[in-house]
């Protein structure tokens, strides 16, 4: 009886661990928002130094450009907040999961830029550029695109100053984004993930 109970406990733990491994935290968070989004809408949930950069009520539109060597997204919310993601690597869409690396010193073409109006009346903006880190494509299909972002950013005007860098993390969730295809077809870009 004790052996059967121990075997059952081991089976339960294995099942729980397998379930945890296959379910990414970014995907679980994204699923909470997808039902509330309409086609071509997105949520950009980023924290800089532990503080949310965009207000919780921000809803972004998402314009995506896909070519054989670049995936580029421009996201704009109702408060004129902007996020631009560029992932650059030959045939990136064939590499799933894909992780774009932002290198210190601005080497390479993968990048992340974020900005918002800090004072609308005076038209004063606040912007940051990722100085190093990763942009991971967690889910990439026609229905949803989910990115997980981790690294550090610096103020856009002085992003190389080491004393001004801050940790950045978060996710970007896009529901059925509007896509323009360059030198690749929709089937090549989205068909390779199924």
N, C-alpha and C. Protein backbone atom coordinates (compact mmCIF):
# COMPACT_ATOMS: atom_id res chain seq x y z
N UNK A 1 0.82 -1.20 0.00
CA UNK A 1 0.00 0.00 0.00
C UNK A 1 0.87 1.26 0.00
N UNK A 2 1.95 1.24 0.80
CA UNK A 2 2.84 2.39 0.88
C UNK A 2 3.54 2.63 -0.47
N UNK A 3 3.93 1.55 -1.15
CA UNK A 3 4.58 1.66 -2.45
C UNK A 3 3.62 2.27 -3.47
N UNK A 4 2.36 1.83 -3.45
CA UNK A 4 1.36 2.35 -4.38
C UNK A 4 1.14 3.84 -4.13
N UNK A 5 1.06 4.22 -2.86
CA UNK A 5 0.86 5.63 -2.51
C UNK A 5 2.05 6.48 -2.97
N UNK A 6 3.28 5.97 -2.74
CA UNK A 6 4.47 6.69 -3.17
C UNK A 6 4.54 6.80 -4.69
N UNK A 7 4.16 5.73 -5.38
CA UNK A 7 4.14 5.74 -6.84
C UNK A 7 3.11 6.77 -7.35
N UNK A 8 1.96 6.81 -6.72
CA UNK A 8 0.93 7.78 -7.10
C UNK A 8 1.43 9.21 -6.88
N UNK A 9 2.13 9.43 -5.77
CA UNK A 9 2.68 10.76 -5.48
C UNK A 9 3.72 11.15 -6.52
N UNK A 10 4.59 10.22 -6.89
CA UNK A 10 5.60 10.49 -7.90
C UNK A 10 4.93 10.82 -9.24
N UNK A 11 3.91 10.05 -9.62
CA UNK A 11 3.19 10.32 -10.88
C UNK A 11 2.55 11.70 -10.86
N UNK A 12 1.96 12.07 -9.73
CA UNK A 12 1.34 13.38 -9.61
C UNK A 12 2.37 14.49 -9.75
N UNK A 13 3.52 14.35 -9.09
CA UNK A 13 4.57 15.36 -9.18
C UNK A 13 5.10 15.48 -10.60
N UNK A 14 5.30 14.36 -11.28
CA UNK A 14 5.77 14.38 -12.66
C UNK A 14 4.76 15.10 -13.55
N UNK A 15 3.48 14.80 -13.37
CA UNK A 15 2.43 15.44 -14.16
C UNK A 15 2.41 16.94 -13.93
N UNK A 16 2.51 17.36 -12.67
CA UNK A 16 2.52 18.78 -12.34
C UNK A 16 3.74 19.46 -12.95
N UNK A 17 4.91 18.84 -12.82
CA UNK A 17 6.13 19.42 -13.37
C UNK A 17 6.09 19.53 -14.88
N UNK A 18 5.57 18.49 -15.55
CA UNK A 18 5.45 18.55 -17.00
C UNK A 18 4.49 19.64 -17.42
N UNK A 19 3.41 19.79 -16.70
CA UNK A 19 2.44 20.85 -16.99
C UNK A 19 3.04 22.22 -16.81
N UNK A 20 3.86 22.38 -15.77
CA UNK A 20 4.49 23.68 -15.52
C UNK A 20 5.50 24.01 -16.61
N UNK A 21 6.25 23.02 -17.04
CA UNK A 21 7.28 23.24 -18.04
C UNK A 21 6.71 23.65 -19.38
N UNK A 22 5.53 23.17 -19.72
CA UNK A 22 4.99 23.46 -21.04
C UNK A 22 4.18 24.75 -21.07
N UNK A 23 3.94 25.34 -19.93
CA UNK A 23 3.11 26.54 -19.87
C UNK A 23 3.97 27.70 -19.41
N UNK A 24 4.38 28.55 -20.33
CA UNK A 24 5.22 29.69 -20.04
C UNK A 24 4.44 30.77 -19.28
N UNK A 25 5.12 31.42 -18.33
CA UNK A 25 4.46 32.48 -17.55
C UNK A 25 3.99 33.62 -18.43
N UNK A 26 4.76 33.96 -19.46
CA UNK A 26 4.35 35.04 -20.37
C UNK A 26 3.08 34.65 -21.12
N UNK A 27 2.98 33.39 -21.52
CA UNK A 27 1.77 32.92 -22.21
C UNK A 27 0.55 32.98 -21.29
N UNK A 28 0.74 32.58 -20.05
CA UNK A 28 -0.37 32.61 -19.09
C UNK A 28 -0.84 34.04 -18.85
N UNK A 29 0.10 34.97 -18.71
CA UNK A 29 -0.26 36.37 -18.53
C UNK A 29 -0.97 36.91 -19.77
N UNK A 30 -0.44 36.57 -20.94
CA UNK A 30 -1.02 37.05 -22.20
C UNK A 30 -2.45 36.58 -22.38
N UNK A 31 -2.73 35.34 -22.01
CA UNK A 31 -4.07 34.78 -22.18
C UNK A 31 -5.11 35.60 -21.42
N UNK A 32 -4.72 36.23 -20.31
CA UNK A 32 -5.64 37.05 -19.53
C UNK A 32 -6.12 38.27 -20.32
N UNK A 33 -5.28 38.74 -21.24
CA UNK A 33 -5.59 39.95 -21.99
C UNK A 33 -6.18 39.69 -23.36
N UNK A 34 -5.90 38.56 -23.96
CA UNK A 34 -6.32 38.31 -25.34
C UNK A 34 -7.82 38.39 -25.54
N UNK A 35 -8.60 37.87 -24.62
CA UNK A 35 -10.06 37.91 -24.77
C UNK A 35 -10.61 39.33 -24.80
N UNK A 36 -9.94 40.25 -24.11
CA UNK A 36 -10.41 41.64 -24.05
C UNK A 36 -9.97 42.46 -25.26
N UNK A 37 -9.01 41.94 -26.02
CA UNK A 37 -8.50 42.67 -27.18
C UNK A 37 -9.29 42.35 -28.44
N UNK A 38 -9.39 43.32 -29.33
CA UNK A 38 -9.97 43.12 -30.66
C UNK A 38 -8.83 42.84 -31.63
N UNK A 39 -9.16 42.43 -32.84
CA UNK A 39 -8.14 42.23 -33.86
C UNK A 39 -7.32 43.50 -34.02
N UNK A 40 -6.02 43.32 -34.21
CA UNK A 40 -5.07 44.40 -34.40
C UNK A 40 -4.93 45.30 -33.16
N UNK A 41 -5.19 44.74 -31.99
CA UNK A 41 -4.93 45.46 -30.74
C UNK A 41 -3.87 44.71 -29.94
N UNK A 42 -3.21 45.44 -29.06
CA UNK A 42 -2.13 44.86 -28.28
C UNK A 42 -2.06 45.48 -26.89
N UNK A 43 -1.44 44.74 -25.99
CA UNK A 43 -1.08 45.25 -24.66
C UNK A 43 0.43 45.22 -24.59
N UNK A 44 1.00 46.31 -24.08
CA UNK A 44 2.44 46.42 -23.88
C UNK A 44 2.65 46.64 -22.40
N UNK A 45 3.07 45.60 -21.71
CA UNK A 45 3.22 45.67 -20.26
C UNK A 45 4.70 45.59 -19.92
N UNK A 46 5.31 46.76 -19.76
CA UNK A 46 6.74 46.85 -19.50
C UNK A 46 6.98 47.58 -18.19
N UNK A 47 7.97 47.11 -17.45
CA UNK A 47 8.38 47.81 -16.23
C UNK A 47 9.84 48.23 -16.38
N UNK A 48 10.11 49.43 -15.93
CA UNK A 48 11.47 49.96 -15.90
C UNK A 48 11.80 50.24 -14.45
N UNK A 49 12.81 49.58 -13.97
CA UNK A 49 13.18 49.73 -12.55
C UNK A 49 12.05 49.33 -11.62
N UNK A 50 11.21 48.36 -12.05
CA UNK A 50 10.11 47.86 -11.24
C UNK A 50 8.83 48.68 -11.33
N UNK A 51 8.82 49.76 -12.12
CA UNK A 51 7.62 50.60 -12.25
C UNK A 51 7.03 50.44 -13.65
N UNK A 52 5.70 50.33 -13.73
CA UNK A 52 5.03 50.20 -15.02
C UNK A 52 5.29 51.45 -15.85
N UNK A 53 5.66 51.25 -17.13
CA UNK A 53 5.95 52.39 -17.99
C UNK A 53 4.68 52.97 -18.60
N UNK A 54 3.80 52.11 -19.07
CA UNK A 54 2.53 52.55 -19.66
C UNK A 54 1.40 52.34 -18.66
N UNK A 55 0.37 53.19 -18.68
CA UNK A 55 -0.77 52.99 -17.78
C UNK A 55 -1.51 51.69 -18.14
N UNK A 56 -2.13 51.09 -17.16
CA UNK A 56 -2.85 49.84 -17.35
C UNK A 56 -3.96 49.92 -18.38
N UNK A 57 -4.54 51.08 -18.58
CA UNK A 57 -5.65 51.22 -19.53
C UNK A 57 -5.18 51.41 -20.98
N UNK A 58 -3.87 51.47 -21.21
CA UNK A 58 -3.36 51.62 -22.58
C UNK A 58 -3.72 50.41 -23.43
N UNK A 59 -4.24 50.69 -24.62
CA UNK A 59 -4.49 49.66 -25.63
C UNK A 59 -3.82 50.14 -26.90
N UNK A 60 -2.97 49.32 -27.45
CA UNK A 60 -2.16 49.69 -28.60
C UNK A 60 -2.73 49.11 -29.90
N UNK A 61 -2.49 49.79 -31.01
CA UNK A 61 -2.68 49.19 -32.32
C UNK A 61 -1.32 48.63 -32.71
N UNK A 62 -1.34 47.62 -33.56
CA UNK A 62 -0.10 46.93 -33.89
C UNK A 62 0.06 46.83 -35.40
N UNK A 63 1.11 47.39 -35.91
CA UNK A 63 1.45 47.27 -37.34
C UNK A 63 2.75 46.47 -37.42
N UNK A 64 2.71 45.37 -38.15
CA UNK A 64 3.86 44.49 -38.25
C UNK A 64 4.34 44.43 -39.70
N UNK A 65 5.65 44.45 -39.88
CA UNK A 65 6.27 44.25 -41.18
C UNK A 65 7.14 43.01 -41.08
N UNK A 66 6.91 42.05 -41.96
CA UNK A 66 7.68 40.81 -41.96
C UNK A 66 8.40 40.67 -43.29
N UNK A 67 9.73 40.53 -43.22
CA UNK A 67 10.52 40.23 -44.41
C UNK A 67 11.44 39.07 -44.07
N UNK A 68 12.25 38.65 -45.02
CA UNK A 68 13.08 37.48 -44.78
C UNK A 68 14.14 37.70 -43.72
N UNK A 69 14.52 38.95 -43.46
CA UNK A 69 15.57 39.18 -42.47
C UNK A 69 15.19 40.16 -41.35
N UNK A 70 13.93 40.61 -41.33
CA UNK A 70 13.50 41.55 -40.28
C UNK A 70 12.03 41.32 -39.93
N UNK A 71 11.75 41.36 -38.63
CA UNK A 71 10.38 41.45 -38.13
C UNK A 71 10.32 42.77 -37.37
N UNK A 72 9.44 43.65 -37.80
CA UNK A 72 9.36 44.97 -37.20
C UNK A 72 7.93 45.25 -36.75
N UNK A 73 7.77 45.73 -35.53
CA UNK A 73 6.45 46.08 -35.01
C UNK A 73 6.46 47.53 -34.55
N UNK A 74 5.39 48.23 -34.88
CA UNK A 74 5.16 49.57 -34.37
C UNK A 74 3.84 49.52 -33.63
N UNK A 75 3.88 49.86 -32.35
CA UNK A 75 2.70 49.83 -31.48
C UNK A 75 2.43 51.23 -30.96
N UNK A 76 1.18 51.70 -31.09
CA UNK A 76 0.81 53.05 -30.66
C UNK A 76 -0.47 52.97 -29.84
N UNK A 77 -0.46 53.58 -28.64
CA UNK A 77 -1.66 53.55 -27.80
C UNK A 77 -2.46 54.84 -27.93
N UNK A 78 -3.60 54.90 -27.26
CA UNK A 78 -4.51 56.05 -27.36
C UNK A 78 -3.95 57.30 -26.70
N UNK A 79 -2.83 57.18 -25.96
CA UNK A 79 -2.21 58.34 -25.31
C UNK A 79 -0.93 58.76 -26.04
N UNK A 80 -0.74 58.29 -27.26
CA UNK A 80 0.45 58.55 -28.07
C UNK A 80 1.70 57.88 -27.51
N UNK A 81 1.53 56.83 -26.72
CA UNK A 81 2.67 56.01 -26.32
C UNK A 81 3.09 55.16 -27.51
N UNK A 82 4.39 54.93 -27.65
CA UNK A 82 4.90 54.18 -28.80
C UNK A 82 5.94 53.16 -28.35
N UNK A 83 5.85 52.00 -28.94
CA UNK A 83 6.87 50.96 -28.77
C UNK A 83 7.24 50.46 -30.15
N UNK A 84 8.54 50.36 -30.40
CA UNK A 84 9.03 49.83 -31.67
C UNK A 84 9.98 48.68 -31.39
N UNK A 85 9.65 47.53 -31.96
CA UNK A 85 10.46 46.33 -31.81
C UNK A 85 10.99 45.96 -33.19
N UNK A 86 12.29 45.72 -33.28
CA UNK A 86 12.90 45.25 -34.51
C UNK A 86 13.74 44.02 -34.19
N UNK A 87 13.40 42.91 -34.82
CA UNK A 87 14.18 41.68 -34.69
C UNK A 87 14.83 41.44 -36.04
N UNK A 88 16.14 41.37 -36.07
CA UNK A 88 16.85 41.24 -37.34
C UNK A 88 17.75 40.01 -37.34
N UNK A 89 17.41 39.08 -38.22
CA UNK A 89 18.24 37.90 -38.44
C UNK A 89 17.70 37.21 -39.69
N UNK A 90 18.59 36.72 -40.52
CA UNK A 90 18.16 36.03 -41.73
C UNK A 90 17.25 34.86 -41.40
N UNK A 91 16.13 34.78 -42.10
CA UNK A 91 15.14 33.71 -41.95
C UNK A 91 14.74 33.47 -40.50
N UNK A 92 14.51 34.55 -39.77
CA UNK A 92 14.11 34.50 -38.36
C UNK A 92 12.86 33.63 -38.17
N UNK A 93 11.94 33.65 -39.14
CA UNK A 93 10.66 32.94 -39.02
C UNK A 93 10.81 31.43 -39.07
N UNK A 94 11.96 30.94 -39.49
CA UNK A 94 12.21 29.48 -39.50
C UNK A 94 12.77 29.00 -38.17
N UNK A 95 13.10 29.94 -37.29
CA UNK A 95 13.74 29.61 -36.01
C UNK A 95 12.75 29.82 -34.88
N UNK A 96 12.04 28.79 -34.53
CA UNK A 96 11.06 28.90 -33.45
C UNK A 96 11.45 27.94 -32.34
N UNK A 97 11.58 28.36 -31.12
CA UNK A 97 11.37 29.75 -30.68
C UNK A 97 12.53 30.64 -31.14
N UNK A 98 12.23 31.91 -31.34
CA UNK A 98 13.25 32.86 -31.79
C UNK A 98 13.54 33.84 -30.66
N UNK A 99 14.81 34.07 -30.41
CA UNK A 99 15.23 35.04 -29.40
C UNK A 99 16.16 36.05 -30.06
N UNK A 100 15.74 37.30 -30.09
CA UNK A 100 16.59 38.37 -30.62
C UNK A 100 17.41 38.95 -29.49
N UNK A 101 18.67 39.19 -29.75
CA UNK A 101 19.57 39.71 -28.73
C UNK A 101 19.94 41.15 -29.04
N UNK A 102 19.78 42.00 -28.04
CA UNK A 102 20.22 43.39 -28.15
C UNK A 102 21.58 43.44 -27.46
N UNK A 103 22.58 43.87 -28.21
CA UNK A 103 23.95 43.87 -27.69
C UNK A 103 24.33 45.23 -27.16
N UNK A 104 25.14 45.23 -26.10
CA UNK A 104 25.63 46.48 -25.52
C UNK A 104 26.39 47.26 -26.57
N UNK A 105 26.23 48.57 -26.55
CA UNK A 105 26.92 49.43 -27.50
C UNK A 105 26.18 49.61 -28.81
N UNK A 106 24.96 49.04 -28.90
CA UNK A 106 24.16 49.24 -30.10
C UNK A 106 24.61 48.43 -31.30
N UNK A 107 25.43 47.39 -31.08
CA UNK A 107 25.85 46.54 -32.19
C UNK A 107 24.69 45.64 -32.59
N UNK A 108 24.54 45.42 -33.87
CA UNK A 108 23.44 44.58 -34.34
C UNK A 108 22.20 45.42 -34.61
N UNK A 109 21.26 44.83 -35.34
CA UNK A 109 20.08 45.57 -35.77
C UNK A 109 18.84 45.28 -34.93
N UNK A 110 18.89 44.30 -34.02
CA UNK A 110 17.74 44.04 -33.16
C UNK A 110 17.66 45.17 -32.13
N UNK A 111 16.44 45.72 -31.96
CA UNK A 111 16.32 46.87 -31.06
C UNK A 111 14.91 46.98 -30.46
N UNK A 112 14.82 47.75 -29.39
CA UNK A 112 13.56 48.08 -28.75
C UNK A 112 13.63 49.54 -28.34
N UNK A 113 12.61 50.30 -28.75
CA UNK A 113 12.50 51.70 -28.36
C UNK A 113 11.10 51.89 -27.78
N UNK A 114 11.03 52.58 -26.65
CA UNK A 114 9.73 52.86 -26.04
C UNK A 114 9.64 54.33 -25.66
N UNK A 115 8.44 54.87 -25.78
CA UNK A 115 8.27 56.27 -25.45
C UNK A 115 6.83 56.60 -25.12
N UNK A 116 6.65 57.75 -24.48
CA UNK A 116 5.31 58.24 -24.14
C UNK A 116 5.40 59.73 -23.87
N UNK A 117 4.24 60.38 -23.88
CA UNK A 117 4.18 61.78 -23.48
C UNK A 117 4.09 61.83 -21.96
N UNK A 118 5.07 62.45 -21.33
CA UNK A 118 5.06 62.59 -19.88
C UNK A 118 4.21 63.79 -19.46
N UNK A 119 4.21 64.82 -20.32
CA UNK A 119 3.40 66.02 -20.08
C UNK A 119 2.76 66.41 -21.41
N UNK A 120 1.49 66.10 -21.57
CA UNK A 120 0.80 66.33 -22.85
C UNK A 120 0.70 67.83 -23.17
N UNK A 121 0.43 68.67 -22.16
CA UNK A 121 0.27 70.10 -22.41
C UNK A 121 1.56 70.74 -22.89
N UNK A 122 2.68 70.34 -22.31
CA UNK A 122 3.98 70.92 -22.70
C UNK A 122 4.66 70.09 -23.79
N UNK A 123 4.01 68.99 -24.20
CA UNK A 123 4.56 68.08 -25.21
C UNK A 123 5.97 67.61 -24.84
N UNK A 124 6.10 67.21 -23.58
CA UNK A 124 7.38 66.67 -23.10
C UNK A 124 7.27 65.15 -23.09
N UNK A 125 8.21 64.53 -23.76
CA UNK A 125 8.19 63.08 -23.86
C UNK A 125 9.20 62.40 -22.95
N UNK A 126 9.00 61.11 -22.77
CA UNK A 126 9.93 60.27 -22.02
C UNK A 126 10.18 59.04 -22.87
N UNK A 127 11.44 58.77 -23.18
CA UNK A 127 11.74 57.65 -24.05
C UNK A 127 12.98 56.89 -23.61
N UNK A 128 12.99 55.61 -23.96
CA UNK A 128 14.10 54.73 -23.60
C UNK A 128 14.46 53.85 -24.78
N UNK A 129 15.71 53.42 -24.77
CA UNK A 129 16.19 52.49 -25.77
C UNK A 129 16.85 51.32 -25.05
N UNK A 130 16.56 50.11 -25.51
CA UNK A 130 17.17 48.94 -24.89
C UNK A 130 18.65 48.92 -25.24
N UNK A 131 19.49 48.77 -24.21
CA UNK A 131 20.94 48.77 -24.41
C UNK A 131 21.50 47.35 -24.48
N UNK A 132 20.89 46.43 -23.77
CA UNK A 132 21.25 45.02 -23.89
C UNK A 132 20.13 44.18 -23.30
N UNK A 133 20.04 42.95 -23.80
CA UNK A 133 19.00 42.06 -23.31
C UNK A 133 18.47 41.17 -24.42
N UNK A 134 17.27 40.65 -24.20
CA UNK A 134 16.69 39.73 -25.17
C UNK A 134 15.21 40.04 -25.40
N UNK A 135 14.78 39.77 -26.62
CA UNK A 135 13.38 39.86 -27.01
C UNK A 135 13.02 38.48 -27.53
N UNK A 136 12.27 37.74 -26.75
CA UNK A 136 11.94 36.36 -27.09
C UNK A 136 10.55 36.28 -27.70
N UNK A 137 10.45 35.57 -28.82
CA UNK A 137 9.17 35.31 -29.44
C UNK A 137 8.60 34.06 -28.75
N UNK A 138 7.66 34.26 -27.84
CA UNK A 138 7.08 33.17 -27.06
C UNK A 138 6.05 32.42 -27.89
N UNK A 139 5.17 33.15 -28.55
CA UNK A 139 4.14 32.58 -29.43
C UNK A 139 4.09 33.43 -30.68
N UNK A 140 4.04 32.76 -31.84
CA UNK A 140 4.00 33.50 -33.09
C UNK A 140 3.12 32.74 -34.07
N UNK A 141 1.87 33.14 -34.15
CA UNK A 141 0.97 32.58 -35.16
C UNK A 141 0.02 33.67 -35.61
N UNK A 142 -0.85 33.37 -36.54
CA UNK A 142 -1.72 34.40 -37.12
C UNK A 142 -2.70 34.98 -36.10
N UNK A 143 -3.07 34.20 -35.09
CA UNK A 143 -4.05 34.65 -34.08
C UNK A 143 -3.43 35.53 -33.00
N UNK A 144 -2.20 35.23 -32.62
CA UNK A 144 -1.57 36.00 -31.54
C UNK A 144 -0.06 35.94 -31.66
N UNK A 145 0.55 37.04 -31.23
CA UNK A 145 2.00 37.15 -31.17
C UNK A 145 2.34 37.63 -29.77
N UNK A 146 3.23 36.89 -29.11
CA UNK A 146 3.60 37.22 -27.73
C UNK A 146 5.12 37.32 -27.64
N UNK A 147 5.60 38.42 -27.09
CA UNK A 147 7.02 38.63 -26.87
C UNK A 147 7.28 38.75 -25.37
N UNK A 148 8.40 38.21 -24.94
CA UNK A 148 8.88 38.41 -23.57
C UNK A 148 10.17 39.20 -23.68
N UNK A 149 10.28 40.25 -22.87
CA UNK A 149 11.41 41.19 -22.98
C UNK A 149 12.12 41.28 -21.63
N UNK A 150 13.45 41.14 -21.68
CA UNK A 150 14.26 41.26 -20.47
C UNK A 150 15.57 41.92 -20.83
N UNK A 151 16.00 42.85 -20.00
CA UNK A 151 17.28 43.49 -20.26
C UNK A 151 17.40 44.79 -19.49
N UNK A 152 18.05 45.76 -20.13
CA UNK A 152 18.17 47.08 -19.51
C UNK A 152 18.01 48.15 -20.58
N UNK A 153 17.56 49.31 -20.12
CA UNK A 153 17.33 50.45 -21.00
C UNK A 153 18.04 51.67 -20.45
N UNK A 154 18.25 52.63 -21.35
CA UNK A 154 18.76 53.93 -20.95
C UNK A 154 17.89 55.00 -21.58
N UNK A 155 17.88 56.21 -21.02
CA UNK A 155 17.10 57.29 -21.61
C UNK A 155 17.52 57.49 -23.07
N UNK A 156 16.55 57.73 -23.92
CA UNK A 156 16.81 57.79 -25.36
C UNK A 156 17.90 58.81 -25.70
N UNK A 157 17.91 59.92 -24.99
CA UNK A 157 18.89 60.98 -25.28
C UNK A 157 20.30 60.63 -24.82
N UNK A 158 20.44 59.66 -23.91
CA UNK A 158 21.76 59.36 -23.33
C UNK A 158 21.81 57.88 -22.92
N UNK A 159 21.47 56.98 -23.86
CA UNK A 159 21.32 55.57 -23.49
C UNK A 159 22.65 54.84 -23.29
N UNK A 160 23.76 55.48 -23.56
CA UNK A 160 25.06 54.83 -23.34
C UNK A 160 25.63 55.12 -21.96
N UNK A 161 25.05 56.07 -21.23
CA UNK A 161 25.58 56.43 -19.91
C UNK A 161 25.28 55.33 -18.89
N UNK A 162 26.30 54.62 -18.38
CA UNK A 162 26.06 53.48 -17.49
C UNK A 162 25.30 53.84 -16.21
N UNK A 163 25.45 55.06 -15.72
CA UNK A 163 24.78 55.44 -14.48
C UNK A 163 23.29 55.72 -14.68
N UNK A 164 22.83 55.75 -15.93
CA UNK A 164 21.42 56.03 -16.21
C UNK A 164 20.65 54.79 -16.67
N UNK A 165 21.30 53.62 -16.66
CA UNK A 165 20.64 52.40 -17.10
C UNK A 165 19.71 51.86 -16.02
N UNK A 166 18.63 51.22 -16.45
CA UNK A 166 17.65 50.65 -15.53
C UNK A 166 17.19 49.30 -16.07
N UNK A 167 16.83 48.36 -15.17
CA UNK A 167 16.33 47.07 -15.63
C UNK A 167 14.96 47.20 -16.28
N UNK A 168 14.76 46.42 -17.34
CA UNK A 168 13.50 46.40 -18.08
C UNK A 168 13.03 44.97 -18.19
N UNK A 169 11.73 44.77 -18.00
CA UNK A 169 11.14 43.46 -18.28
C UNK A 169 9.67 43.63 -18.58
N UNK A 170 9.13 42.63 -19.25
CA UNK A 170 7.71 42.68 -19.55
C UNK A 170 7.34 41.81 -20.73
N UNK A 171 6.09 41.97 -21.15
CA UNK A 171 5.59 41.22 -22.30
C UNK A 171 4.80 42.14 -23.22
N UNK A 172 4.73 41.73 -24.47
CA UNK A 172 3.91 42.39 -25.48
C UNK A 172 2.99 41.33 -26.07
N UNK A 173 1.70 41.62 -26.10
CA UNK A 173 0.70 40.68 -26.59
C UNK A 173 -0.07 41.34 -27.73
N UNK A 174 -0.05 40.76 -28.91
CA UNK A 174 -0.77 41.29 -30.07
C UNK A 174 -1.81 40.27 -30.52
N UNK A 175 -3.04 40.72 -30.73
CA UNK A 175 -4.09 39.84 -31.23
C UNK A 175 -4.31 40.13 -32.71
N UNK A 176 -4.11 39.15 -33.54
CA UNK A 176 -4.27 39.24 -35.01
C UNK A 176 -3.75 40.58 -35.55
N UNK A 177 -2.43 40.82 -35.43
CA UNK A 177 -1.90 42.11 -35.88
C UNK A 177 -2.02 42.29 -37.39
N UNK A 178 -2.09 43.56 -37.82
CA UNK A 178 -2.05 43.89 -39.25
C UNK A 178 -0.62 43.66 -39.71
N UNK A 179 -0.46 42.89 -40.78
CA UNK A 179 0.87 42.51 -41.24
C UNK A 179 1.07 42.90 -42.70
N UNK A 180 2.20 43.51 -42.97
CA UNK A 180 2.65 43.75 -44.35
C UNK A 180 3.80 42.79 -44.59
N UNK A 181 3.74 42.07 -45.72
CA UNK A 181 4.77 41.09 -46.03
C UNK A 181 5.69 41.67 -47.09
N UNK A 182 7.00 41.61 -46.81
CA UNK A 182 7.99 42.09 -47.76
C UNK A 182 8.29 41.01 -48.78
N UNK A 183 9.47 40.45 -48.70
CA UNK A 183 9.90 39.43 -49.65
C UNK A 183 9.59 38.00 -49.20
N UNK A 184 8.63 37.86 -48.29
CA UNK A 184 8.17 36.55 -47.83
C UNK A 184 6.65 36.52 -47.88
N UNK A 185 6.10 35.32 -47.94
CA UNK A 185 4.64 35.19 -47.98
C UNK A 185 4.09 34.96 -46.57
N UNK A 186 2.79 35.14 -46.44
CA UNK A 186 2.13 34.87 -45.16
C UNK A 186 2.33 33.40 -44.77
N UNK A 187 2.24 32.51 -45.75
CA UNK A 187 2.44 31.08 -45.47
C UNK A 187 3.84 30.80 -44.95
N UNK A 188 4.86 31.46 -45.52
CA UNK A 188 6.22 31.25 -45.05
C UNK A 188 6.38 31.74 -43.60
N UNK A 189 5.81 32.91 -43.32
CA UNK A 189 5.98 33.50 -41.99
C UNK A 189 5.18 32.74 -40.94
N UNK A 190 3.90 32.51 -41.19
CA UNK A 190 3.06 31.88 -40.18
C UNK A 190 2.95 30.37 -40.35
N UNK A 191 3.14 29.88 -41.57
CA UNK A 191 3.01 28.45 -41.81
C UNK A 191 4.11 27.64 -41.18
N UNK A 192 5.27 28.25 -40.96
CA UNK A 192 6.39 27.50 -40.39
C UNK A 192 6.23 27.23 -38.91
N UNK A 193 5.25 27.84 -38.26
CA UNK A 193 5.07 27.65 -36.82
C UNK A 193 4.02 26.60 -36.49
N UNK A 194 3.37 26.01 -37.47
CA UNK A 194 2.31 25.04 -37.19
C UNK A 194 2.82 23.64 -37.41
